[in-house]
């Protein structure tokens, strides 16, 4: 999987987790949901987010060559 696919997977998981935590634990978790959404929004314009840097450092490829 590529950096973009991992990023979408992790962001989706974190959004769902923070929504569940906001509902069952404490409403302040909704702020984390907003943070993830804001981060995804800015990454659409800058093509950078902190998770992309982390994924690249652990060796996730930017693209996969298909034949």
PDB file of N, CA and C in Angstrom:
ATOM      1  N   UNK A   1       0.842  -1.187   0.000  1.00  0.00           N
ATOM      2  CA  UNK A   1       0.000   0.000   0.000  1.00  0.00           C
ATOM      3  C   UNK A   1       0.885   1.247   0.000  1.00  0.00           C
ATOM      4  N   UNK A   2       0.369   2.300  -0.582  1.00  0.00           N
ATOM      5  CA  UNK A   2       1.118   3.547  -0.688  1.00  0.00           C
ATOM      6  C   UNK A   2       0.819   4.476   0.492  1.00  0.00           C
ATOM      7  N   UNK A   3       1.590   5.556   0.550  1.00  0.00           N
ATOM      8  CA  UNK A   3       1.407   6.552   1.609  1.00  0.00           C
ATOM      9  C   UNK A   3      -0.019   7.099   1.587  1.00  0.00           C
ATOM     10  N   UNK A   4      -0.528   7.402   0.386  1.00  0.00           N
ATOM     11  CA  UNK A   4      -1.882   7.966   0.295  1.00  0.00           C
ATOM     12  C   UNK A   4      -2.941   7.008   0.828  1.00  0.00           C
ATOM     13  N   UNK A   5      -2.812   5.740   0.489  1.00  0.00           N
ATOM     14  CA  UNK A   5      -3.810   4.768   0.959  1.00  0.00           C
ATOM     15  C   UNK A   5      -3.714   4.562   2.463  1.00  0.00           C
ATOM     16  N   UNK A   6      -2.487   4.480   2.988  1.00  0.00           N
ATOM     17  CA  UNK A   6      -2.314   4.350   4.438  1.00  0.00           C
ATOM     18  C   UNK A   6      -2.885   5.569   5.152  1.00  0.00           C
ATOM     19  N   UNK A   7      -2.636   6.750   4.576  1.00  0.00           N
ATOM     20  CA  UNK A   7      -3.133   7.978   5.190  1.00  0.00           C
ATOM     21  C   UNK A   7      -4.652   7.967   5.280  1.00  0.00           C
ATOM     22  N   UNK A   8      -5.326   7.583   4.210  1.00  0.00           N
ATOM     23  CA  UNK A   8      -6.791   7.526   4.230  1.00  0.00           C
ATOM     24  C   UNK A   8      -7.294   6.486   5.221  1.00  0.00           C
ATOM     25  N   UNK A   9      -6.612   5.345   5.292  1.00  0.00           N
ATOM     26  CA  UNK A   9      -7.009   4.295   6.230  1.00  0.00           C
ATOM     27  C   UNK A   9      -6.879   4.772   7.674  1.00  0.00           C
ATOM     28  N   UNK A  10      -5.747   5.354   8.005  1.00  0.00           N
ATOM     29  CA  UNK A  10      -5.502   5.819   9.373  1.00  0.00           C
ATOM     30  C   UNK A  10      -6.444   6.967   9.731  1.00  0.00           C
ATOM     31  N   UNK A  11      -6.625   7.915   8.811  1.00  0.00           N
ATOM     32  CA  UNK A  11      -7.515   9.048   9.085  1.00  0.00           C
ATOM     33  C   UNK A  11      -8.952   8.577   9.300  1.00  0.00           C
ATOM     34  N   UNK A  12      -9.411   7.659   8.479  1.00  0.00           N
ATOM     35  CA  UNK A  12     -10.765   7.133   8.650  1.00  0.00           C
ATOM     36  C   UNK A  12     -10.935   6.425   9.980  1.00  0.00           C
ATOM     37  N   UNK A  13      -9.931   5.637  10.355  1.00  0.00           N
ATOM     38  CA  UNK A  13      -9.989   4.932  11.633  1.00  0.00           C
ATOM     39  C   UNK A  13     -10.008   5.912  12.805  1.00  0.00           C
ATOM     40  N   UNK A  14      -9.148   6.928  12.745  1.00  0.00           N
ATOM     41  CA  UNK A  14      -9.072   7.899  13.839  1.00  0.00           C
ATOM     42  C   UNK A  14     -10.369   8.699  13.945  1.00  0.00           C
ATOM     43  N   UNK A  15     -10.962   9.052  12.815  1.00  0.00           N
ATOM     44  CA  UNK A  15     -12.236   9.777  12.848  1.00  0.00           C
ATOM     45  C   UNK A  15     -13.314   8.919  13.499  1.00  0.00           C
ATOM     46  N   UNK A  16     -13.423   7.667  13.083  1.00  0.00           N
ATOM     47  CA  UNK A  16     -14.442   6.787  13.661  1.00  0.00           C
ATOM     48  C   UNK A  16     -14.196   6.558  15.156  1.00  0.00           C
ATOM     49  N   UNK A  17     -12.936   6.347  15.534  1.00  0.00           N
ATOM     50  CA  UNK A  17     -12.599   6.134  16.938  1.00  0.00           C
ATOM     51  C   UNK A  17     -12.917   7.369  17.778  1.00  0.00           C
ATOM     52  N   UNK A  18     -12.541   8.549  17.284  1.00  0.00           N
ATOM     53  CA  UNK A  18     -12.788   9.758  18.072  1.00  0.00           C
ATOM     54  C   UNK A  18     -14.279  10.087  18.152  1.00  0.00           C
ATOM     55  N   UNK A  19     -15.048   9.750  17.126  1.00  0.00           N
ATOM     56  CA  UNK A  19     -16.499   9.929  17.217  1.00  0.00           C
ATOM     57  C   UNK A  19     -17.099   9.009  18.278  1.00  0.00           C
ATOM     58  N   UNK A  20     -16.645   7.759  18.307  1.00  0.00           N
ATOM     59  CA  UNK A  20     -17.140   6.820  19.317  1.00  0.00           C
ATOM     60  C   UNK A  20     -16.743   7.276  20.722  1.00  0.00           C
ATOM     61  N   UNK A  21     -15.494   7.719  20.878  1.00  0.00           N
ATOM     62  CA  UNK A  21     -15.049   8.203  22.185  1.00  0.00           C
ATOM     63  C   UNK A  21     -15.815   9.460  22.596  1.00  0.00           C
ATOM     64  N   UNK A  22     -16.120  10.317  21.647  1.00  0.00           N
ATOM     65  CA  UNK A  22     -16.908  11.510  21.948  1.00  0.00           C
ATOM     66  C   UNK A  22     -18.313  11.170  22.395  1.00  0.00           C
ATOM     67  N   UNK A  23     -18.874  10.141  21.827  1.00  0.00           N
ATOM     68  CA  UNK A  23     -20.236   9.738  22.183  1.00  0.00           C
ATOM     69  C   UNK A  23     -20.277   9.030  23.532  1.00  0.00           C
ATOM     70  N   UNK A  24     -19.345   8.084  23.751  1.00  0.00           N
ATOM     71  CA  UNK A  24     -19.411   7.245  24.949  1.00  0.00           C
ATOM     72  C   UNK A  24     -18.534   7.698  26.112  1.00  0.00           C
ATOM     73  N   UNK A  25     -17.496   8.484  25.855  1.00  0.00           N
ATOM     74  CA  UNK A  25     -16.573   8.829  26.934  1.00  0.00           C
ATOM     75  C   UNK A  25     -16.685  10.301  27.321  1.00  0.00           C
ATOM     76  N   UNK A  26     -16.346  11.181  26.383  1.00  0.00           N
ATOM     77  CA  UNK A  26     -16.331  12.604  26.693  1.00  0.00           C
ATOM     78  C   UNK A  26     -16.484  13.394  25.392  1.00  0.00           C
ATOM     79  N   UNK A  27     -17.377  14.369  25.359  1.00  0.00           N
ATOM     80  CA  UNK A  27     -17.591  15.139  24.126  1.00  0.00           C
ATOM     81  C   UNK A  27     -16.365  15.902  23.628  1.00  0.00           C
ATOM     82  N   UNK A  28     -15.376  16.110  24.476  1.00  0.00           N
ATOM     83  CA  UNK A  28     -14.164  16.797  24.027  1.00  0.00           C
ATOM     84  C   UNK A  28     -13.418  16.015  22.951  1.00  0.00           C
ATOM     85  N   UNK A  29     -13.687  14.728  22.810  1.00  0.00           N
ATOM     86  CA  UNK A  29     -13.068  13.936  21.746  1.00  0.00           C
ATOM     87  C   UNK A  29     -13.492  14.425  20.368  1.00  0.00           C
ATOM     88  N   UNK A  30     -14.628  15.107  20.277  1.00  0.00           N
ATOM     89  CA  UNK A  30     -15.062  15.656  18.988  1.00  0.00           C
ATOM     90  C   UNK A  30     -14.076  16.704  18.473  1.00  0.00           C
ATOM     91  N   UNK A  31     -13.358  17.351  19.360  1.00  0.00           N
ATOM     92  CA  UNK A  31     -12.326  18.296  18.939  1.00  0.00           C
ATOM     93  C   UNK A  31     -11.223  17.585  18.168  1.00  0.00           C
ATOM     94  N   UNK A  32     -10.897  16.371  18.578  1.00  0.00           N
ATOM     95  CA  UNK A  32      -9.883  15.589  17.866  1.00  0.00           C
ATOM     96  C   UNK A  32     -10.378  15.224  16.470  1.00  0.00           C
ATOM     97  N   UNK A  33     -11.668  14.914  16.358  1.00  0.00           N
ATOM     98  CA  UNK A  33     -12.262  14.645  15.050  1.00  0.00           C
ATOM     99  C   UNK A  33     -12.106  15.865  14.150  1.00  0.00           C
ATOM    100  N   UNK A  34     -12.377  17.033  14.697  1.00  0.00           N
ATOM    101  CA  UNK A  34     -12.214  18.270  13.937  1.00  0.00           C
ATOM    102  C   UNK A  34     -10.773  18.522  13.539  1.00  0.00           C
ATOM    103  N   UNK A  35      -9.836  18.197  14.423  1.00  0.00           N
ATOM    104  CA  UNK A  35      -8.416  18.357  14.121  1.00  0.00           C
ATOM    105  C   UNK A  35      -8.010  17.485  12.943  1.00  0.00           C
ATOM    106  N   UNK A  36      -8.459  16.240  12.935  1.00  0.00           N
ATOM    107  CA  UNK A  36      -8.133  15.332  11.834  1.00  0.00           C
ATOM    108  C   UNK A  36      -8.736  15.853  10.530  1.00  0.00           C
ATOM    109  N   UNK A  37      -9.970  16.303  10.586  1.00  0.00           N
ATOM    110  CA  UNK A  37     -10.607  16.851   9.393  1.00  0.00           C
ATOM    111  C   UNK A  37      -9.891  18.086   8.872  1.00  0.00           C
ATOM    112  N   UNK A  38      -9.495  18.975   9.770  1.00  0.00           N
ATOM    113  CA  UNK A  38      -8.767  20.176   9.374  1.00  0.00           C
ATOM    114  C   UNK A  38      -7.413  19.823   8.763  1.00  0.00           C
ATOM    115  N   UNK A  39      -6.758  18.829   9.336  1.00  0.00           N
ATOM    116  CA  UNK A  39      -5.475  18.378   8.810  1.00  0.00           C
ATOM    117  C   UNK A  39      -5.635  17.802   7.404  1.00  0.00           C
ATOM    118  N   UNK A  40      -6.680  17.018   7.178  1.00  0.00           N
ATOM    119  CA  UNK A  40      -6.933  16.475   5.844  1.00  0.00           C
ATOM    120  C   UNK A  40      -7.242  17.597   4.858  1.00  0.00           C
ATOM    121  N   UNK A  41      -7.984  18.597   5.306  1.00  0.00           N
ATOM    122  CA  UNK A  41      -8.328  19.730   4.451  1.00  0.00           C
ATOM    123  C   UNK A  41      -7.073  20.475   3.997  1.00  0.00           C
ATOM    124  N   UNK A  42      -6.189  20.791   4.933  1.00  0.00           N
ATOM    125  CA  UNK A  42      -4.984  21.522   4.554  1.00  0.00           C
ATOM    126  C   UNK A  42      -4.046  20.664   3.723  1.00  0.00           C
ATOM    127  N   UNK A  43      -4.036  19.355   3.938  1.00  0.00           N
ATOM    128  CA  UNK A  43      -3.151  18.496   3.144  1.00  0.00           C
ATOM    129  C   UNK A  43      -3.598  18.403   1.691  1.00  0.00           C
ATOM    130  N   UNK A  44      -4.869  18.675   1.422  1.00  0.00           N
ATOM    131  CA  UNK A  44      -5.342  18.696   0.038  1.00  0.00           C
ATOM    132  C   UNK A  44      -4.690  19.834  -0.741  1.00  0.00           C
ATOM    133  N   UNK A  45      -4.362  20.925  -0.066  1.00  0.00           N
ATOM    134  CA  UNK A  45      -3.753  22.074  -0.730  1.00  0.00           C
ATOM    135  C   UNK A  45      -2.230  22.043  -0.691  1.00  0.00           C
ATOM    136  N   UNK A  46      -1.658  21.491   0.376  1.00  0.00           N
ATOM    137  CA  UNK A  46      -0.205  21.528   0.538  1.00  0.00           C
ATOM    138  C   UNK A  46       0.472  20.212   0.191  1.00  0.00           C
ATOM    139  N   UNK A  47      -0.307  19.137   0.063  1.00  0.00           N
ATOM    140  CA  UNK A  47       0.225  17.788  -0.176  1.00  0.00           C
ATOM    141  C   UNK A  47       1.205  17.380   0.921  1.00  0.00           C
ATOM    142  N   UNK A  48       0.944  17.808   2.146  1.00  0.00           N
ATOM    143  CA  UNK A  48       1.769  17.442   3.288  1.00  0.00           C
ATOM    144  C   UNK A  48       0.898  17.355   4.525  1.00  0.00           C
ATOM    145  N   UNK A  49       1.157  16.349   5.328  1.00  0.00           N
ATOM    146  CA  UNK A  49       0.588  16.272   6.670  1.00  0.00           C
ATOM    147  C   UNK A  49       1.563  15.471   7.525  1.00  0.00           C
ATOM    148  N   UNK A  50       1.518  15.627   8.831  1.00  0.00           N
ATOM    149  CA  UNK A  50       2.482  14.943   9.693  1.00  0.00           C
ATOM    150  C   UNK A  50       2.487  13.427   9.517  1.00  0.00           C
ATOM    151  N   UNK A  51       1.325  12.818   9.317  1.00  0.00           N
ATOM    152  CA  UNK A  51       1.271  11.365   9.175  1.00  0.00           C
ATOM    153  C   UNK A  51       2.005  10.903   7.918  1.00  0.00           C
ATOM    154  N   UNK A  52       1.975  11.697   6.854  1.00  0.00           N
ATOM    155  CA  UNK A  52       2.702  11.327   5.637  1.00  0.00           C
ATOM    156  C   UNK A  52       4.204  11.254   5.912  1.00  0.00           C
ATOM    157  N   UNK A  53       4.714  12.195   6.684  1.00  0.00           N
ATOM    158  CA  UNK A  53       6.136  12.185   7.034  1.00  0.00           C
ATOM    159  C   UNK A  53       6.488  10.952   7.857  1.00  0.00           C
ATOM    160  N   UNK A  54       5.630  10.605   8.795  1.00  0.00           N
ATOM    161  CA  UNK A  54       5.864   9.422   9.632  1.00  0.00           C
ATOM    162  C   UNK A  54       5.853   8.159   8.781  1.00  0.00           C
ATOM    163  N   UNK A  55       4.875   8.044   7.893  1.00  0.00           N
ATOM    164  CA  UNK A  55       4.782   6.855   7.049  1.00  0.00           C
ATOM    165  C   UNK A  55       5.994   6.718   6.136  1.00  0.00           C
ATOM    166  N   UNK A  56       6.477   7.823   5.597  1.00  0.00           N
ATOM    167  CA  UNK A  56       7.674   7.764   4.745  1.00  0.00           C
ATOM    168  C   UNK A  56       8.898   7.341   5.547  1.00  0.00           C
ATOM    169  N   UNK A  57       9.009   7.801   6.792  1.00  0.00           N
ATOM    170  CA  UNK A  57      10.161   7.439   7.623  1.00  0.00           C
ATOM    171  C   UNK A  57      10.188   5.955   7.962  1.00  0.00           C
ATOM    172  N   UNK A  58       9.009   5.330   8.054  1.00  0.00           N
ATOM    173  CA  UNK A  58       8.982   3.896   8.359  1.00  0.00           C
ATOM    174  C   UNK A  58       9.054   3.044   7.092  1.00  0.00           C
ATOM    175  N   UNK A  59       9.196   3.701   5.928  1.00  0.00           N
ATOM    176  CA  UNK A  59       9.452   2.956   4.706  1.00  0.00           C
ATOM    177  C   UNK A  59       8.268   2.663   3.807  1.00  0.00           C
ATOM    178  N   UNK A  60       7.152   3.326   4.015  1.00  0.00           N
ATOM    179  CA  UNK A  60       5.993   3.118   3.148  1.00  0.00           C
ATOM    180  C   UNK A  60       6.271   3.830   1.819  1.00  0.00           C
ATOM    181  N   UNK A  61       6.092   3.140   0.692  1.00  0.00           N
ATOM    182  CA  UNK A  61       6.404   3.762  -0.606  1.00  0.00           C
ATOM    183  C   UNK A  61       5.385   4.833  -0.999  1.00  0.00           C
ATOM    184  N   UNK A  62       5.869   5.838  -1.744  1.00  0.00           N
ATOM    185  CA  UNK A  62       4.985   6.897  -2.240  1.00  0.00           C
ATOM    186  C   UNK A  62       4.080   6.400  -3.353  1.00  0.00           C
ATOM    187  N   UNK A  63       4.589   5.518  -4.174  1.00  0.00           N
ATOM    188  CA  UNK A  63       3.781   4.988  -5.277  1.00  0.00           C
ATOM    189  C   UNK A  63       4.207   3.560  -5.575  1.00  0.00           C
ATOM    190  N   UNK A  64       3.321   2.858  -6.244  1.00  0.00           N
ATOM    191  CA  UNK A  64       3.587   1.472  -6.625  1.00  0.00           C
ATOM    192  C   UNK A  64       3.546   1.402  -8.142  1.00  0.00           C
ATOM    193  N   UNK A  65       4.590   0.828  -8.730  1.00  0.00           N
ATOM    194  CA  UNK A  65       4.635   0.670 -10.182  1.00  0.00           C
ATOM    195  C   UNK A  65       3.883  -0.596 -10.534  1.00  0.00           C
ATOM    196  N   UNK A  66       2.879  -0.445 -11.395  1.00  0.00           N
ATOM    197  CA  UNK A  66       2.081  -1.602 -11.812  1.00  0.00           C
ATOM    198  C   UNK A  66       2.413  -1.933 -13.251  1.00  0.00           C
ATOM    199  N   UNK A  67       2.512  -3.213 -13.524  1.00  0.00           N
ATOM    200  CA  UNK A  67       2.826  -3.613 -14.901  1.00  0.00           C
ATOM    201  C   UNK A  67       1.662  -4.304 -15.558  1.00  0.00           C
TER     202      UNK A  67
END
